[in-house]
Amino acid sequence: MRHGYRHVLLIFLILYVFCFSGCGHEVPQVKRSAVLMDTVVTLQVRGEQAEAAVDAGMRRLEELDRMMGSESMEGAAQKLHAAAGKEYVKLQPEIYHVLEVSQRYSELTHGAWDITMGEAISLWGIGTEYARVPGVEEFERVDELCGWQHLKLRPEDKSAMLEREGMSIHLGGIGKGYALDEVRRIFIQYGIKDALIDMGASSICAMGKNDRGEDWTIGIRHPRKENAFLARVRLSDAMLSTSGDYERFFEADGKRYHHILDPKTLRPAESGIMSVTVLVDDGIEDAGMLGDLLSTAVFVMGPEEGKAFIEKLPEAFSAEITAVDGRILTAHGFGKRMEGVSGDFRVIE
């Protein structure tokens, strides 16, 4: 989920993180932040090789920023756009893997998730000073330039092609999740067991425990009140991703236009949802990436369809879906994790 710096710095998902401390031998601890991948990233680590682990994690994030940035000339998005309708582009293995997973879940979600929405996202400009409601003719033009079926993958040489000239991909709804997976992998290589990886407070990986030996406690933002909670959840060895209509939006003629576009209409999704939080146990391959894209897909689907979709997945996937009518629908026991639920909502198991 791509978020503007202003919203990230407000820390909509409030983290209750206690300082690391030790008994006897004090275990090294490091906390470092940087602006990468269009957000503020914070890595908090405890372990004998904490400093080296954070250094390696930040280096990897810098690499991914160059690979996945929509404006980076080194990035996959620019290369695929330039070659669209002409030829296949050989990609880095990690980018090819992201596209493979993306296509698999586009099919599984019947198009509720679609990585080829780049031109529609650019058309709206939501989150920029150029945000506006496009005209009918513009929608007709861009409609021909979107559609996951027009992204072709060639596994024998890990290359890809967008079939129609002018098409583009957008990695904002999947890139941060992939980054979580990569940084977690690096931390494990350095023997790290306790850490918190915060990709702008909307994509989070909780490893192990906090300094009290307890699960990490994370606040999910109230979708209509700033600096207030929808609820708190406890996490350990899991990825959490949230998509909401409050993250980036503009208003025109009394109507709110948010950044989560419905691939079927190319307009902000009117699904009856305010926010979605998806949790994936980190034992699932690509857990961060899947949580990221599924929070977007479920938002587009709507409350009932989204809940039913999550419940068809293994129990390692769970979710809460906050509907505009005040209901919080939960799937696979997410409701049991929730504490301090706002009185503005009612939980439906």
Protein backbone atom coordinates (compact mmCIF):
# COMPACT_ATOMS: atom_id res chain seq x y z
CA MET A 1 0.00 0.00 0.00
CA ARG A 2 1.51 3.16 -1.03
CA HIS A 3 1.23 5.95 1.53
CA GLY A 4 2.25 9.62 1.57
CA TYR A 5 4.90 10.78 4.01
CA ARG A 6 2.48 13.11 5.79
CA HIS A 7 0.16 10.27 6.74
CA VAL A 8 3.01 7.98 7.70
CA LEU A 9 4.51 10.58 10.03
CA LEU A 10 1.22 10.85 11.89
CA ILE A 11 1.76 7.17 12.79
CA PHE A 12 -1.79 5.98 12.12
CA LEU A 13 -0.94 2.53 13.33
CA ILE A 14 0.43 3.33 16.77
CA LEU A 15 3.12 0.97 17.98
CA TYR A 16 3.49 0.23 21.66
CA VAL A 17 7.13 -0.68 21.67
CA PHE A 18 9.00 -1.01 24.93
CA CYS A 19 12.74 -0.38 25.17
CA PHE A 20 14.85 -3.50 25.08
CA SER A 21 16.67 -4.30 28.32
CA GLY A 22 18.56 -7.26 29.66
CA CYS A 23 19.46 -8.95 32.92
CA GLY A 24 23.16 -9.44 33.57
CA HIS A 25 24.61 -9.40 30.07
CA GLU A 26 22.84 -6.63 28.20
CA VAL A 27 21.79 -7.80 24.76
CA PRO A 28 22.70 -5.27 22.05
CA GLN A 29 19.78 -3.33 20.66
CA VAL A 30 19.44 -1.03 17.67
CA LYS A 31 16.69 1.22 16.37
CA ARG A 32 17.07 3.05 13.08
CA SER A 33 14.75 4.90 10.69
CA ALA A 34 15.08 6.01 7.07
CA VAL A 35 12.89 7.27 4.25
CA LEU A 36 12.76 4.43 1.72
CA MET A 37 10.15 2.95 -0.62
CA ASP A 38 8.02 6.08 -0.33
CA THR A 39 7.60 5.74 3.42
CA VAL A 40 9.39 6.02 6.75
CA VAL A 41 10.93 2.67 7.61
CA THR A 42 11.88 1.82 11.20
CA LEU A 43 13.88 -1.26 12.17
CA GLN A 44 14.11 -2.25 15.86
CA VAL A 45 16.33 -5.19 16.66
CA ARG A 46 17.67 -7.01 19.71
CA GLY A 47 20.45 -9.55 19.36
CA GLU A 48 24.20 -10.07 19.48
CA GLN A 49 24.50 -9.01 15.82
CA ALA A 50 21.84 -6.31 15.93
CA GLU A 51 24.01 -3.57 14.40
CA ALA A 52 25.15 -5.73 11.50
CA ALA A 53 21.60 -7.00 10.93
CA VAL A 54 20.17 -3.49 10.73
CA ASP A 55 22.97 -2.38 8.39
CA ALA A 56 22.23 -5.31 6.08
CA GLY A 57 18.48 -4.74 6.29
CA MET A 58 18.80 -1.09 5.35
CA ARG A 59 21.11 -1.91 2.44
CA ARG A 60 18.56 -4.38 1.12
CA LEU A 61 15.77 -1.82 1.42
CA GLU A 62 17.85 0.67 -0.57
CA GLU A 63 18.27 -1.96 -3.31
CA LEU A 64 14.55 -2.69 -3.36
CA ASP A 65 13.78 1.03 -3.47
CA ARG A 66 15.77 1.30 -6.69
CA MET A 67 14.19 -1.85 -8.15
CA MET A 68 10.58 -1.11 -7.25
CA GLY A 69 10.30 2.66 -7.23
CA SER A 70 7.71 3.80 -9.78
CA GLU A 71 9.83 6.83 -10.73
CA SER A 72 13.22 5.09 -10.67
CA MET A 73 14.75 4.67 -14.12
CA GLU A 74 16.45 1.54 -12.74
CA GLY A 75 13.10 0.16 -11.68
CA ALA A 76 11.12 -2.67 -13.21
CA ALA A 77 8.02 -0.49 -13.66
CA GLN A 78 9.82 1.98 -15.93
CA LYS A 79 11.50 -0.77 -17.97
CA LEU A 80 8.25 -2.66 -18.53
CA HIS A 81 6.42 0.55 -19.44
CA ALA A 82 9.07 1.50 -22.00
CA ALA A 83 8.87 -1.93 -23.64
CA ALA A 84 5.08 -2.33 -23.40
CA GLY A 85 3.55 -3.73 -26.57
CA LYS A 86 6.99 -4.34 -28.06
CA GLU A 87 9.13 -6.91 -26.30
CA TYR A 88 9.83 -8.95 -23.19
CA VAL A 89 12.04 -7.47 -20.48
CA LYS A 90 14.43 -9.65 -18.49
CA LEU A 91 13.89 -8.93 -14.79
CA GLN A 92 15.78 -9.45 -11.56
CA PRO A 93 14.71 -12.79 -10.02
CA GLU A 94 13.06 -11.08 -7.06
CA ILE A 95 10.97 -8.81 -9.28
CA TYR A 96 9.93 -11.74 -11.43
CA HIS A 97 8.87 -13.59 -8.27
CA VAL A 98 6.76 -10.61 -7.16
CA LEU A 99 5.00 -10.59 -10.54
CA GLU A 100 4.44 -14.37 -10.41
CA VAL A 101 2.77 -14.14 -7.00
CA SER A 102 0.79 -11.10 -8.12
CA GLN A 103 -0.60 -12.88 -11.17
CA ARG A 104 -1.51 -15.96 -9.14
CA TYR A 105 -3.57 -13.86 -6.74
CA SER A 106 -5.12 -11.75 -9.49
CA GLU A 107 -6.60 -14.97 -10.80
CA LEU A 108 -7.51 -16.23 -7.33
CA THR A 109 -9.27 -12.95 -6.41
CA HIS A 110 -10.97 -12.69 -9.84
CA GLY A 111 -9.17 -9.44 -10.51
CA ALA A 112 -9.81 -7.68 -7.20
CA TRP A 113 -6.03 -7.50 -7.01
CA ASP A 114 -4.37 -6.16 -10.18
CA ILE A 115 -0.78 -4.98 -10.49
CA THR A 116 -1.39 -3.44 -13.95
CA MET A 117 -3.31 -0.43 -12.59
CA GLY A 118 -0.39 1.93 -13.08
CA GLU A 119 -2.03 4.17 -15.68
CA ALA A 120 -5.29 4.43 -13.71
CA ILE A 121 -3.37 5.36 -10.56
CA SER A 122 -1.44 8.03 -12.48
CA LEU A 123 -4.67 9.34 -14.01
CA TRP A 124 -6.24 10.01 -10.62
CA GLY A 125 -3.05 11.34 -9.03
CA ILE A 126 -4.43 10.69 -5.54
CA GLY A 127 -1.84 11.62 -2.93
CA THR A 128 -0.29 14.28 -5.17
CA GLU A 129 -1.05 17.94 -5.76
CA TYR A 130 -2.52 16.96 -9.13
CA ALA A 131 -5.35 14.80 -7.77
CA ARG A 132 -8.59 15.25 -9.70
CA VAL A 133 -11.65 13.41 -11.01
CA PRO A 134 -10.86 12.26 -14.57
CA GLY A 135 -13.22 12.74 -17.49
CA VAL A 136 -15.18 10.02 -19.29
CA GLU A 137 -12.88 9.98 -22.33
CA GLU A 138 -9.85 9.58 -20.07
CA PHE A 139 -11.41 6.54 -18.42
CA GLU A 140 -12.13 5.02 -21.83
CA ARG A 141 -8.51 5.50 -22.87
CA VAL A 142 -7.01 4.10 -19.67
CA ASP A 143 -9.42 1.17 -19.57
CA GLU A 144 -7.52 -0.27 -22.54
CA LEU A 145 -4.26 0.03 -20.59
CA CYS A 146 -5.23 -1.99 -17.51
CA GLY A 147 -5.86 -5.68 -16.97
CA TRP A 148 -3.73 -8.34 -15.33
CA GLN A 149 -4.42 -10.75 -18.21
CA HIS A 150 -2.26 -8.49 -20.41
CA LEU A 151 0.86 -9.02 -18.27
CA LYS A 152 2.72 -11.99 -19.73
CA LEU A 153 5.45 -13.89 -17.88
CA ARG A 154 8.13 -16.07 -19.43
CA PRO A 155 9.58 -18.37 -16.75
CA GLU A 156 12.41 -19.84 -18.82
CA ASP A 157 14.36 -16.56 -18.69
CA LYS A 158 12.40 -14.70 -15.98
CA SER A 159 11.15 -12.01 -18.32
CA ALA A 160 7.83 -10.22 -18.65
CA MET A 161 5.92 -8.10 -21.13
CA LEU A 162 2.92 -5.80 -21.00
CA GLU A 163 0.96 -6.61 -24.15
CA ARG A 164 -0.38 -3.14 -24.93
CA GLU A 165 1.73 -0.08 -25.58
CA GLY A 166 1.24 2.50 -22.83
CA MET A 167 0.49 -0.02 -20.06
CA SER A 168 2.33 0.12 -16.73
CA ILE A 169 2.50 -1.78 -13.47
CA HIS A 170 2.38 -0.32 -9.99
CA LEU A 171 4.15 -2.09 -7.12
CA GLY A 172 2.75 0.09 -4.32
CA GLY A 173 0.29 -2.52 -3.06
CA ILE A 174 2.80 -5.35 -2.86
CA GLY A 175 6.31 -3.90 -2.61
CA LYS A 176 6.34 -3.10 1.09
CA GLY A 177 5.13 -6.58 1.89
CA TYR A 178 7.95 -8.07 -0.15
CA ALA A 179 10.37 -5.80 1.70
CA LEU A 180 9.11 -7.17 5.03
CA ASP A 181 9.84 -10.70 3.83
CA GLU A 182 13.33 -9.74 2.71
CA VAL A 183 14.34 -7.90 5.89
CA ARG A 184 12.99 -10.73 8.05
CA ARG A 185 15.05 -13.21 5.99
CA ILE A 186 18.18 -11.13 6.59
CA PHE A 187 17.51 -10.84 10.32
CA ILE A 188 17.20 -14.61 10.59
CA GLN A 189 20.56 -14.99 8.85
CA TYR A 190 22.08 -12.83 11.60
CA GLY A 191 20.50 -14.89 14.34
CA ILE A 192 17.93 -12.27 15.28
CA LYS A 193 14.84 -13.59 17.05
CA ASP A 194 13.27 -10.41 18.48
CA ALA A 195 12.58 -7.48 16.17
CA LEU A 196 9.94 -5.15 14.78
CA ILE A 197 10.02 -4.12 11.12
CA ASP A 198 7.76 -1.14 10.44
CA MET A 199 7.22 -0.16 6.82
CA GLY A 200 5.37 3.09 7.38
CA ALA A 201 3.07 1.68 10.08
CA SER A 202 0.80 -0.02 7.53
CA SER A 203 2.97 -3.06 6.84
CA ILE A 204 4.54 -4.60 9.93
CA CYS A 205 6.53 -7.71 10.80
CA ALA A 206 6.71 -8.74 14.46
CA MET A 207 9.46 -11.23 15.28
CA GLY A 208 9.58 -12.97 18.64
CA LYS A 209 8.76 -10.98 21.77
CA ASN A 210 9.22 -7.55 23.29
CA ASP A 211 11.57 -6.95 26.23
CA ARG A 212 8.95 -8.20 28.69
CA GLY A 213 8.77 -11.54 26.95
CA GLU A 214 5.30 -10.70 25.64
CA ASP A 215 3.82 -10.47 22.17
CA TRP A 216 4.17 -7.09 20.53
CA THR A 217 1.12 -4.85 20.96
CA ILE A 218 0.10 -2.83 17.92
CA GLY A 219 -2.71 -0.31 17.60
CA ILE A 220 -4.88 -0.29 14.48
CA ARG A 221 -5.97 3.21 13.62
CA HIS A 222 -9.60 4.29 13.93
CA PRO A 223 -10.67 4.89 10.30
CA ARG A 224 -12.52 8.12 11.08
CA LYS A 225 -10.72 9.60 14.10
CA GLU A 226 -7.12 10.69 14.01
CA ASN A 227 -4.89 9.57 16.88
CA ALA A 228 -7.51 7.07 18.05
CA PHE A 229 -7.67 3.28 18.01
CA LEU A 230 -10.01 0.95 16.24
CA ALA A 231 -8.47 -1.76 18.42
CA ARG A 232 -5.18 -3.23 19.57
CA VAL A 233 -3.80 -6.60 18.56
CA ARG A 234 -0.97 -8.76 19.87
CA LEU A 235 1.54 -10.12 17.39
CA SER A 236 4.43 -12.56 17.43
CA ASP A 237 6.06 -14.11 14.37
CA ALA A 238 3.46 -12.63 12.05
CA MET A 239 2.95 -10.01 9.35
CA LEU A 240 0.21 -7.41 9.53
CA SER A 241 -1.01 -5.20 6.70
CA THR A 242 -3.74 -2.55 6.69
CA SER A 243 -5.51 -0.77 3.81
CA GLY A 244 -7.90 2.08 4.51
CA ASP A 245 -9.83 4.78 2.71
CA TYR A 246 -8.33 7.37 5.09
CA GLU A 247 -4.72 6.91 4.03
CA ARG A 248 -4.67 9.04 0.86
CA PHE A 249 -7.68 10.84 -0.51
CA PHE A 250 -9.04 14.12 -1.77
CA GLU A 251 -12.49 15.67 -1.73
CA ALA A 252 -14.39 17.21 -4.64
CA ASP A 253 -17.98 18.44 -4.63
CA GLY A 254 -18.47 17.02 -1.15
CA LYS A 255 -17.31 13.50 -2.06
CA ARG A 256 -14.24 11.68 -0.80
CA TYR A 257 -12.07 9.95 -3.40
CA HIS A 258 -9.59 7.53 -1.86
CA HIS A 259 -6.59 5.79 -3.41
CA ILE A 260 -7.80 2.15 -3.46
CA LEU A 261 -9.09 1.74 -7.00
CA ASP A 262 -11.46 -0.99 -8.12
CA PRO A 263 -9.87 -2.65 -11.18
CA LYS A 264 -13.34 -3.23 -12.67
CA THR A 265 -14.38 0.43 -12.60
CA LEU A 266 -10.99 2.21 -12.40
CA ARG A 267 -12.59 4.36 -9.69
CA PRO A 268 -12.13 4.41 -5.91
CA ALA A 269 -13.72 1.22 -4.61
CA GLU A 270 -17.22 1.71 -3.20
CA SER A 271 -17.36 -1.64 -1.45
CA GLY A 272 -18.84 -0.64 1.89
CA ILE A 273 -15.48 -0.91 3.67
CA MET A 274 -13.48 1.71 5.56
CA SER A 275 -10.43 -0.39 6.38
CA VAL A 276 -9.07 -3.93 6.25
CA THR A 277 -6.32 -5.51 8.32
CA VAL A 278 -4.87 -8.85 7.24
CA LEU A 279 -2.59 -10.96 9.42
CA VAL A 280 -0.42 -13.77 8.05
CA ASP A 281 1.68 -16.11 10.17
CA ASP A 282 5.30 -15.83 9.08
CA GLY A 283 5.51 -19.57 8.49
CA ILE A 284 3.65 -18.94 5.24
CA GLU A 285 5.92 -18.37 2.25
CA ASP A 286 5.78 -14.73 1.08
CA ALA A 287 3.72 -13.84 4.16
CA GLY A 288 4.43 -10.11 4.00
CA MET A 289 3.71 -9.85 0.31
CA LEU A 290 0.47 -11.81 0.61
CA GLY A 291 -0.78 -9.73 3.53
CA ASP A 292 -0.07 -6.57 1.57
CA LEU A 293 -1.93 -7.52 -1.60
CA LEU A 294 -4.78 -9.28 0.22
CA SER A 295 -5.64 -6.23 2.32
CA THR A 296 -6.18 -4.35 -0.94
CA ALA A 297 -8.09 -7.18 -2.62
CA VAL A 298 -10.44 -7.69 0.34
CA PHE A 299 -11.12 -3.94 0.46
CA VAL A 300 -12.23 -4.08 -3.18
CA MET A 301 -14.35 -7.22 -2.65
CA GLY A 302 -16.53 -5.82 0.14
CA PRO A 303 -17.28 -7.08 3.68
CA GLU A 304 -19.09 -10.37 3.11
CA GLU A 305 -17.20 -11.47 0.02
CA GLY A 306 -13.89 -10.48 1.59
CA LYS A 307 -14.60 -12.40 4.79
CA ALA A 308 -15.63 -15.48 2.81
CA PHE A 309 -12.47 -15.26 0.71
CA ILE A 310 -10.15 -15.16 3.74
CA GLU A 311 -12.01 -18.07 5.33
CA LYS A 312 -11.28 -20.20 2.26
CA LEU A 313 -7.55 -19.73 2.88
CA PRO A 314 -5.56 -21.67 5.51
CA GLU A 315 -6.04 -20.60 9.13
CA ALA A 316 -2.61 -18.94 9.03
CA PHE A 317 -4.49 -16.08 7.31
CA SER A 318 -6.87 -13.96 9.39
CA ALA A 319 -8.48 -10.55 8.98
CA GLU A 320 -10.71 -7.83 10.33
CA ILE A 321 -12.92 -5.87 7.96
CA THR A 322 -14.33 -2.55 9.18
CA ALA A 323 -17.52 -1.75 7.27
CA VAL A 324 -19.05 1.69 6.76
CA ASP A 325 -22.12 0.61 8.74
CA GLY A 326 -20.06 0.14 11.91
CA ARG A 327 -19.61 -3.63 11.78
CA ILE A 328 -16.23 -5.28 12.21
CA LEU A 329 -16.30 -8.63 10.44
CA THR A 330 -13.55 -11.04 11.46
CA ALA A 331 -12.16 -14.15 9.80
CA HIS A 332 -10.21 -17.09 11.25
CA GLY A 333 -10.24 -15.88 14.83
CA PHE A 334 -8.91 -12.37 14.32
CA GLY A 335 -11.53 -11.09 16.75
CA LYS A 336 -9.90 -13.06 19.58
CA ARG A 337 -6.72 -11.05 19.10
CA MET A 338 -8.48 -7.70 19.37
CA GLU A 339 -8.39 -5.68 22.59
CA GLY A 340 -9.88 -2.32 23.47
CA VAL A 341 -12.22 -2.21 20.48
CA SER A 342 -13.66 1.27 19.91
CA GLY A 343 -17.26 1.71 21.03
CA ASP A 344 -17.99 3.18 17.60
CA PHE A 345 -17.97 -0.35 16.16
CA ARG A 346 -19.34 -3.79 16.92
CA VAL A 347 -17.45 -7.01 16.27
CA ILE A 348 -19.20 -9.70 14.23
CA GLU A 349 -17.52 -13.12 14.47
